Amino acid sequence: MDSQIRFLGGTYIGYGAALCWTSYDIWERQLALNILLAGLALGGIGRAISAGVFGWGLPWVQRATITEIVVPPLVYWLGSRKYV
C-alpha cells in the first residue's frame, strides 16, 4: 500500500504541475489543458468501474473518484471552452 500511495503522490504532483503550466497561458495551451482534463476524467471513470467490480476499499478513493469525474467537465464548461 505504501508504494501505491507514493506512486499516486508523485503522479499527482506531476499532473498538478502540468495543469499549472497549461493554465498560465490558456490561449496557447488549450489543447494540452483539454487533454489533461480528459485524462483525469477517464482515470476517474476507470476508478469508478474498478470500484463497482471490486468495491471502494479505502474511504478516500470514493472522494477522489467523484473529484476526478466532476471537476474536469466543470473546468471545461465554466472556463476553458471560452478560449477555444
Protein backbone atom coordinates (compact mmCIF):
# COMPACT_ATOMS: atom_id res chain seq x y z
CA MET A 1 0.00 0.00 0.00
CA ASP A 2 2.86 2.38 0.76
CA SER A 3 4.20 2.06 -2.78
CA GLN A 4 0.77 2.85 -4.24
CA ILE A 5 0.48 6.00 -2.13
CA ARG A 6 3.97 7.12 -3.15
CA PHE A 7 3.19 6.42 -6.80
CA LEU A 8 -0.06 8.37 -6.67
CA GLY A 9 1.63 11.22 -4.81
CA GLY A 10 4.31 11.53 -7.47
CA THR A 11 1.79 11.21 -10.27
CA TYR A 12 -0.48 13.90 -8.86
CA ILE A 13 2.42 16.28 -8.23
CA GLY A 14 3.48 15.93 -11.86
CA TYR A 15 -0.09 16.20 -13.06
CA GLY A 16 -0.65 19.31 -10.95
CA ALA A 17 2.50 20.91 -12.33
CA ALA A 18 1.33 20.19 -15.88
CA LEU A 19 -2.09 21.70 -15.12
CA CYS A 20 -0.45 24.81 -13.66
CA TRP A 21 1.78 25.12 -16.73
CA THR A 22 -1.19 24.89 -19.12
CA SER A 23 -3.37 27.24 -17.09
CA TYR A 24 -0.83 30.10 -17.18
CA ASP A 25 -1.41 30.61 -20.91
CA ILE A 26 -4.73 29.05 -21.85
CA TRP A 27 -4.78 30.70 -25.28
CA GLU A 28 -1.59 28.91 -26.34
CA ARG A 29 -2.00 25.68 -24.37
CA GLN A 30 -5.71 24.97 -24.80
CA LEU A 31 -5.19 21.58 -26.42
CA ALA A 32 -2.79 20.42 -23.71
CA LEU A 33 -5.22 21.53 -21.00
CA ASN A 34 -8.12 19.68 -22.63
CA ILE A 35 -6.02 16.53 -22.97
CA LEU A 36 -5.06 16.68 -19.29
CA LEU A 37 -8.69 17.22 -18.26
CA ALA A 38 -9.85 14.32 -20.44
CA GLY A 39 -7.17 12.08 -18.95
CA LEU A 40 -8.25 12.98 -15.43
CA ALA A 41 -11.91 12.27 -16.23
CA LEU A 42 -11.07 8.94 -17.88
CA GLY A 43 -8.99 7.97 -14.86
CA GLY A 44 -11.96 8.71 -12.61
CA ILE A 45 -14.28 6.65 -14.79
CA GLY A 46 -11.81 3.76 -14.70
CA ARG A 47 -11.57 4.05 -10.92
CA ALA A 48 -15.40 4.02 -10.67
CA ILE A 49 -15.62 0.89 -12.83
CA SER A 50 -12.99 -0.80 -10.69
CA ALA A 51 -14.86 0.19 -7.53
CA GLY A 52 -18.05 -1.24 -8.99
CA VAL A 53 -16.35 -4.56 -9.62
CA PHE A 54 -14.06 -4.85 -6.56
CA GLY A 55 -15.50 -2.37 -4.04
CA TRP A 56 -14.31 1.04 -2.91
CA GLY A 57 -11.64 -0.08 -0.50
CA LEU A 58 -10.32 2.96 1.35
CA PRO A 59 -12.68 5.89 2.08
CA TRP A 60 -10.58 8.46 0.18
CA VAL A 61 -10.97 6.52 -3.07
CA GLN A 62 -14.65 7.44 -3.37
CA ARG A 63 -13.95 11.15 -2.83
CA ALA A 64 -11.08 11.08 -5.31
CA THR A 65 -13.28 9.38 -7.90
CA ILE A 66 -16.04 11.95 -7.56
CA THR A 67 -13.49 14.77 -7.87
CA GLU A 68 -11.88 13.20 -10.94
CA ILE A 69 -15.22 12.78 -12.70
CA VAL A 70 -16.88 16.09 -11.74
CA VAL A 71 -14.07 18.69 -11.82
CA PRO A 72 -12.76 18.31 -15.42
CA PRO A 73 -16.15 18.92 -17.10
CA LEU A 74 -16.76 21.88 -14.78
CA VAL A 75 -13.39 23.41 -15.65
CA TYR A 76 -14.11 22.95 -19.35
CA TRP A 77 -17.70 24.21 -19.30
CA LEU A 78 -17.16 27.12 -16.92
CA GLY A 79 -13.87 28.45 -18.19
CA SER A 80 -11.72 26.56 -20.60
CA ARG A 81 -14.11 26.42 -23.55
CA LYS A 82 -14.28 30.23 -23.70
CA TYR A 83 -10.76 30.23 -25.09
CA VAL A 84 -11.42 27.84 -27.97
